[in-house]
Amino acid sequence: MYNPEMFSPMLLEKYSKWSEEYTEYLLSEKFDGYRALYYNGVFRSRARNLYRAPEWFTKGYPKDVLLDGELFVERGGFSVVASTLKKKIPVDDEWKRVKFMVYDLPLSDKNYTERYHDLKELLGASQTQTEIKTAFATKFKSMYLVKQYKLESNEQLMKFYTIIIQKGGEGVVIRDSNSKYIKRRTKKVLKLKPSHDAEAVVTGYEMGDGKYTGLLGSLQVNWVTPPSKTNLKASFTVGSGLTDIERKNYTTLFKLGTVIKVKYMELSEENIPRHPVYLGKVPVEYLH
């Protein structure tokens, strides 16, 4: 039985580094919205606060079933969904943009693979293409089921992460496919997302190998304005986020001295960013 005043949702730990045990995990996009628990016409935050949705938004939703997910508008649209949810009287035109991205069944005692299968059946998840490629459409117009991908390697994880960040997403989530729903913070579900961005100047090039043989592998860079006062002269490389065209035409597109924007998770003690991703070049007019 669900008691909203007593229920505690599962909370994510931060991803640290790759482990072979993660080959038993699933991979999905982390949507940039508001965590929401839905039950019988009511959305609540993880702190049990109400989100007042219009009645039409949840029309036909499953009854007597607790759904865990995210109220989301679009990548980079966190401020939009925040403004929508904070209104005591919901505005229909604003809620027409909101999507409920479902990923779990908290009251089920099954493992995640089984819970996810049940969600597909319950929501009538469709394999047909939607505007959100990392989610399935369902039989409910405003509801989507978050896609889960089998995680096989660190390379796959970082490639998926890079694509999501490049497209303006918040990050990714990996979860143990064999885990039960745990009503507290757990290492069975991990989030990987960049926390910071900063500017760096191109100082050199490293050529690639494998599929990037003959192309740029990564840019050698130094911080323009170091994020930390320690080791101000720290240098590092950025390869993730570069397109094949950029790798081919790097001497023209990234002349020495070019300033780029880099997004990353956190800094090491040596002021080196973990999992840096190239976001784009910084126009000269913004540097003065």
Protein backbone atom coordinates (compact mmCIF):
# COMPACT_ATOMS: atom_id res chain seq x y z
CA MET A 1 0.00 0.00 0.00
CA TYR A 2 1.27 3.46 -0.94
CA ASN A 3 1.33 6.12 1.78
CA PRO A 4 2.80 9.34 0.34
CA GLU A 5 3.64 10.67 3.79
CA MET A 6 5.80 7.63 4.54
CA PHE A 7 7.22 6.65 1.17
CA SER A 8 10.87 7.41 0.35
CA PRO A 9 11.93 7.19 -3.32
CA MET A 10 15.14 5.60 -4.52
CA LEU A 11 17.98 8.14 -4.90
CA LEU A 12 21.00 7.94 -7.16
CA GLU A 13 24.68 7.92 -6.26
CA LYS A 14 27.29 9.59 -8.49
CA TYR A 15 29.17 7.49 -11.00
CA SER A 16 32.88 7.32 -10.19
CA LYS A 17 34.76 4.99 -12.52
CA TRP A 18 34.18 1.96 -14.71
CA SER A 19 33.80 -1.46 -13.15
CA GLU A 20 33.27 -4.80 -14.90
CA GLU A 21 30.18 -5.36 -12.74
CA TYR A 22 28.47 -2.65 -14.79
CA THR A 23 28.10 -5.10 -17.67
CA GLU A 24 25.06 -6.29 -15.68
CA TYR A 25 23.64 -2.75 -15.75
CA LEU A 26 21.29 -0.89 -18.09
CA LEU A 27 21.93 2.53 -19.63
CA SER A 28 19.47 5.38 -20.20
CA GLU A 29 19.30 9.13 -20.64
CA LYS A 30 18.97 11.28 -17.51
CA PHE A 31 16.20 13.74 -18.30
CA ASP A 32 16.57 17.34 -17.17
CA GLY A 33 13.29 17.84 -15.35
CA TYR A 34 11.64 17.36 -11.95
CA ARG A 35 11.51 13.98 -10.23
CA ALA A 36 7.87 12.98 -9.81
CA LEU A 37 5.94 10.12 -8.21
CA TYR A 38 2.47 9.59 -9.67
CA TYR A 39 -0.44 7.85 -7.96
CA ASN A 40 -4.16 8.11 -8.75
CA GLY A 41 -4.19 11.54 -10.36
CA VAL A 42 -1.57 13.16 -8.14
CA PHE A 43 2.07 14.02 -8.81
CA ARG A 44 4.40 14.49 -5.84
CA SER A 45 8.02 15.50 -5.61
CA ARG A 46 10.52 13.32 -3.78
CA ALA A 47 10.01 15.73 -0.86
CA ARG A 48 6.25 14.92 -1.04
CA ASN A 49 5.24 18.34 -2.40
CA LEU A 50 2.31 18.42 -4.83
CA TYR A 51 2.61 19.25 -8.52
CA ARG A 52 -0.79 20.46 -9.71
CA ALA A 53 -1.37 19.06 -13.18
CA PRO A 54 -4.56 19.70 -15.19
CA GLU A 55 -7.08 16.83 -15.04
CA TRP A 56 -6.76 16.20 -18.79
CA PHE A 57 -3.01 15.60 -18.43
CA THR A 58 -3.47 12.40 -16.43
CA LYS A 59 -6.74 11.25 -17.99
CA GLY A 60 -6.73 7.48 -18.38
CA TYR A 61 -3.48 6.96 -16.46
CA PRO A 62 -3.25 3.60 -14.61
CA LYS A 63 -5.03 3.45 -11.26
CA ASP A 64 -3.68 2.13 -7.97
CA VAL A 65 -0.18 1.95 -9.45
CA LEU A 66 2.75 4.06 -8.25
CA LEU A 67 4.90 5.34 -11.14
CA ASP A 68 8.35 6.88 -10.72
CA GLY A 69 9.66 9.27 -13.35
CA GLU A 70 10.50 12.79 -14.41
CA LEU A 71 8.30 15.69 -15.50
CA PHE A 72 10.20 17.03 -18.48
CA VAL A 73 9.80 19.55 -21.32
CA GLU A 74 12.90 19.32 -23.50
CA ARG A 75 16.67 19.13 -23.24
CA GLY A 76 17.89 22.36 -21.74
CA GLY A 77 14.34 23.21 -20.69
CA PHE A 78 14.68 22.85 -16.93
CA SER A 79 13.67 26.47 -16.25
CA VAL A 80 10.53 26.03 -18.37
CA VAL A 81 9.31 22.96 -16.52
CA ALA A 82 10.23 24.59 -13.20
CA SER A 83 8.04 27.61 -13.99
CA THR A 84 5.19 25.33 -15.08
CA LEU A 85 5.21 23.11 -11.99
CA LYS A 86 5.46 25.91 -9.44
CA LYS A 87 2.12 27.43 -10.38
CA LYS A 88 -0.70 26.63 -7.92
CA ILE A 89 -3.20 26.92 -10.76
CA PRO A 90 -1.92 24.94 -13.76
CA VAL A 91 -1.79 26.71 -17.13
CA ASP A 92 -3.04 24.40 -19.89
CA ASP A 93 -0.81 25.79 -22.65
CA GLU A 94 2.26 25.27 -20.48
CA TRP A 95 1.32 21.72 -19.50
CA LYS A 96 0.84 20.80 -23.17
CA ARG A 97 4.65 20.85 -23.43
CA VAL A 98 5.23 18.63 -20.38
CA LYS A 99 5.99 14.92 -20.68
CA PHE A 100 6.00 12.35 -17.88
CA MET A 101 9.11 10.22 -18.45
CA VAL A 102 8.49 6.97 -16.53
CA TYR A 103 11.27 4.57 -15.54
CA ASP A 104 10.18 2.52 -12.52
CA LEU A 105 7.46 0.73 -10.54
CA PRO A 106 8.40 1.43 -6.90
CA LEU A 107 5.87 -0.86 -5.22
CA SER A 108 6.89 -3.97 -7.13
CA ASP A 109 9.19 -6.42 -5.34
CA LYS A 110 10.60 -7.75 -8.65
CA ASN A 111 14.08 -7.00 -10.01
CA TYR A 112 14.48 -4.11 -12.44
CA THR A 113 14.42 -6.20 -15.62
CA GLU A 114 11.08 -7.67 -14.56
CA ARG A 115 9.73 -4.29 -13.43
CA TYR A 116 10.67 -2.75 -16.76
CA HIS A 117 8.91 -5.55 -18.65
CA ASP A 118 5.81 -4.94 -16.54
CA LEU A 119 6.01 -1.21 -17.30
CA LYS A 120 6.07 -1.90 -21.03
CA GLU A 121 2.94 -4.02 -20.71
CA LEU A 122 1.15 -1.64 -18.37
CA LEU A 123 1.84 1.49 -20.43
CA GLY A 124 1.48 -0.08 -23.86
CA ALA A 125 4.95 1.14 -24.80
CA SER A 126 5.39 1.44 -28.54
CA GLN A 127 8.62 0.80 -30.46
CA THR A 128 7.59 3.39 -33.05
CA GLN A 129 9.84 6.42 -33.41
CA THR A 130 9.04 9.45 -31.28
CA GLU A 131 10.56 12.92 -31.15
CA ILE A 132 12.48 11.65 -28.13
CA LYS A 133 14.71 8.86 -29.45
CA THR A 134 15.72 7.70 -25.97
CA ALA A 135 12.13 7.01 -24.89
CA PHE A 136 9.17 4.92 -26.05
CA ALA A 137 5.75 6.35 -26.74
CA THR A 138 2.93 4.85 -24.68
CA LYS A 139 -0.84 4.64 -25.01
CA PHE A 140 -1.03 7.80 -22.89
CA LYS A 141 -0.39 10.97 -24.87
CA SER A 142 1.60 12.78 -22.19
CA MET A 143 3.54 9.74 -20.93
CA TYR A 144 6.74 8.15 -22.23
CA LEU A 145 8.74 5.15 -21.09
CA VAL A 146 12.47 5.80 -20.76
CA LYS A 147 14.48 3.46 -23.01
CA GLN A 148 16.95 1.14 -21.35
CA TYR A 149 19.99 -0.12 -23.26
CA LYS A 150 22.15 -3.09 -22.31
CA LEU A 151 25.47 -1.72 -21.02
CA GLU A 152 28.42 -3.66 -22.41
CA SER A 153 31.54 -1.50 -22.06
CA ASN A 154 33.04 1.73 -20.80
CA GLU A 155 33.47 2.80 -24.43
CA GLN A 156 29.74 2.40 -25.05
CA LEU A 157 28.92 4.32 -21.85
CA MET A 158 31.15 7.26 -22.72
CA LYS A 159 29.95 7.38 -26.33
CA PHE A 160 26.29 7.48 -25.24
CA TYR A 161 27.12 10.06 -22.56
CA THR A 162 28.92 12.26 -25.10
CA ILE A 163 26.03 12.12 -27.58
CA ILE A 164 23.50 13.09 -24.90
CA ILE A 165 25.63 16.01 -23.65
CA GLN A 166 26.24 17.25 -27.21
CA LYS A 167 22.50 17.26 -27.82
CA GLY A 168 21.93 19.39 -24.72
CA GLY A 169 20.93 16.58 -22.37
CA GLU A 170 21.69 16.45 -18.66
CA GLY A 171 23.58 13.15 -18.56
CA VAL A 172 22.99 9.42 -18.27
CA VAL A 173 21.90 6.84 -15.69
CA ILE A 174 23.11 3.28 -15.25
CA ARG A 175 21.20 0.82 -13.06
CA ASP A 176 21.65 -2.76 -11.94
CA SER A 177 19.25 -4.89 -13.99
CA ASN A 178 18.96 -7.38 -11.12
CA SER A 179 18.30 -4.88 -8.31
CA LYS A 180 15.11 -4.41 -6.31
CA TYR A 181 13.60 -0.95 -5.74
CA ILE A 182 15.54 0.44 -2.76
CA LYS A 183 13.83 3.24 -0.80
CA ARG A 184 17.01 5.21 -0.11
CA ARG A 185 20.16 6.35 -1.87
CA THR A 186 21.85 3.40 -3.55
CA LYS A 187 24.90 2.51 -5.62
CA LYS A 188 22.70 0.20 -7.67
CA VAL A 189 21.64 3.27 -9.67
CA LEU A 190 24.30 5.79 -10.70
CA LYS A 191 24.17 9.12 -12.48
CA LEU A 192 26.86 10.39 -14.81
CA LYS A 193 26.60 14.04 -15.73
CA PRO A 194 28.90 17.03 -16.16
CA SER A 195 28.78 19.52 -13.36
CA HIS A 196 30.85 22.34 -14.81
CA ASP A 197 32.04 24.02 -17.97
CA ALA A 198 34.97 26.32 -18.67
CA GLU A 199 37.04 27.73 -21.51
CA ALA A 200 40.30 26.25 -22.75
CA VAL A 201 42.78 27.31 -25.44
CA VAL A 202 44.10 24.93 -28.10
CA THR A 203 47.87 24.39 -27.79
CA GLY A 204 48.43 21.30 -29.96
CA TYR A 205 47.04 18.11 -31.47
CA GLU A 206 47.14 14.37 -30.88
CA MET A 207 46.45 12.15 -33.86
CA GLY A 208 44.00 9.30 -33.57
CA ASP A 209 44.30 5.58 -34.10
CA GLY A 210 41.93 2.77 -34.98
CA LYS A 211 38.94 4.28 -36.76
CA TYR A 212 40.50 7.72 -36.33
CA THR A 213 43.82 6.82 -37.99
CA GLY A 214 44.87 9.80 -40.09
CA LEU A 215 42.40 12.06 -38.25
CA LEU A 216 42.59 14.18 -35.14
CA GLY A 217 42.31 12.10 -31.99
CA SER A 218 42.11 14.93 -29.47
CA LEU A 219 42.96 18.57 -28.93
CA GLN A 220 45.72 19.54 -26.52
CA VAL A 221 44.51 22.46 -24.43
CA ASN A 222 45.23 24.65 -21.41
CA TRP A 223 42.67 26.43 -19.27
CA VAL A 224 41.96 30.05 -20.21
CA THR A 225 40.76 30.84 -16.70
CA PRO A 226 41.58 27.86 -14.47
CA PRO A 227 38.57 26.61 -12.46
CA SER A 228 40.91 26.09 -9.51
CA LYS A 229 43.79 28.11 -8.08
CA THR A 230 45.93 25.00 -7.84
CA ASN A 231 48.18 23.96 -10.70
CA LEU A 232 47.13 26.89 -12.88
CA LYS A 233 49.18 25.68 -15.85
CA ALA A 234 47.43 22.31 -16.05
CA SER A 235 47.11 20.96 -19.60
CA PHE A 236 44.88 18.14 -20.82
CA THR A 237 43.30 16.68 -23.95
CA VAL A 238 39.74 16.79 -25.28
CA GLY A 239 38.55 14.25 -27.84
CA SER A 240 34.96 13.46 -26.92
CA GLY A 241 32.40 15.60 -28.72
CA LEU A 242 34.39 16.18 -31.92
CA THR A 243 32.68 15.30 -35.21
CA ASP A 244 34.38 13.45 -38.06
CA ILE A 245 34.40 16.67 -40.10
CA GLU A 246 36.12 18.52 -37.25
CA ARG A 247 38.65 15.71 -36.89
CA LYS A 248 39.43 15.86 -40.62
CA ASN A 249 39.71 19.66 -40.87
CA TYR A 250 41.24 20.31 -37.46
CA THR A 251 44.12 22.51 -38.66
CA THR A 252 41.64 24.94 -40.22
CA LEU A 253 38.88 24.74 -37.59
CA PHE A 254 41.14 24.63 -34.52
CA LYS A 255 44.13 26.83 -35.22
CA LEU A 256 46.52 27.12 -32.30
CA GLY A 257 45.12 29.72 -29.92
CA THR A 258 41.47 28.85 -30.66
CA VAL A 259 39.34 28.99 -27.52
CA ILE A 260 36.82 26.21 -26.93
CA LYS A 261 34.15 25.47 -24.33
CA VAL A 262 34.63 22.26 -22.36
CA LYS A 263 32.04 20.53 -20.17
CA TYR A 264 33.21 18.12 -17.49
CA MET A 265 32.20 16.25 -14.33
CA GLU A 266 34.80 17.37 -11.82
CA LEU A 267 38.49 18.21 -11.42
CA SER A 268 41.30 16.00 -10.23
CA GLU A 269 43.79 17.28 -7.66
CA GLU A 270 45.98 18.28 -10.61
CA ASN A 271 43.21 20.49 -12.03
CA ILE A 272 42.52 18.01 -14.84
CA PRO A 273 38.84 17.59 -15.80
CA ARG A 274 37.25 14.14 -15.68
CA HIS A 275 35.41 13.10 -18.86
CA PRO A 276 35.81 16.43 -20.71
CA VAL A 277 33.49 16.93 -23.68
CA TYR A 278 33.99 19.51 -26.43
CA LEU A 279 30.93 21.77 -26.70
CA GLY A 280 32.00 24.29 -29.31
CA LYS A 281 34.28 27.18 -30.16
CA VAL A 282 34.02 30.44 -28.24
CA PRO A 283 33.61 33.48 -30.56
CA VAL A 284 36.39 36.04 -30.23
CA GLU A 285 33.90 38.78 -29.33
CA TYR A 286 33.01 36.94 -26.13
CA LEU A 287 36.60 36.86 -24.89
CA HIS A 288 36.89 40.59 -24.13
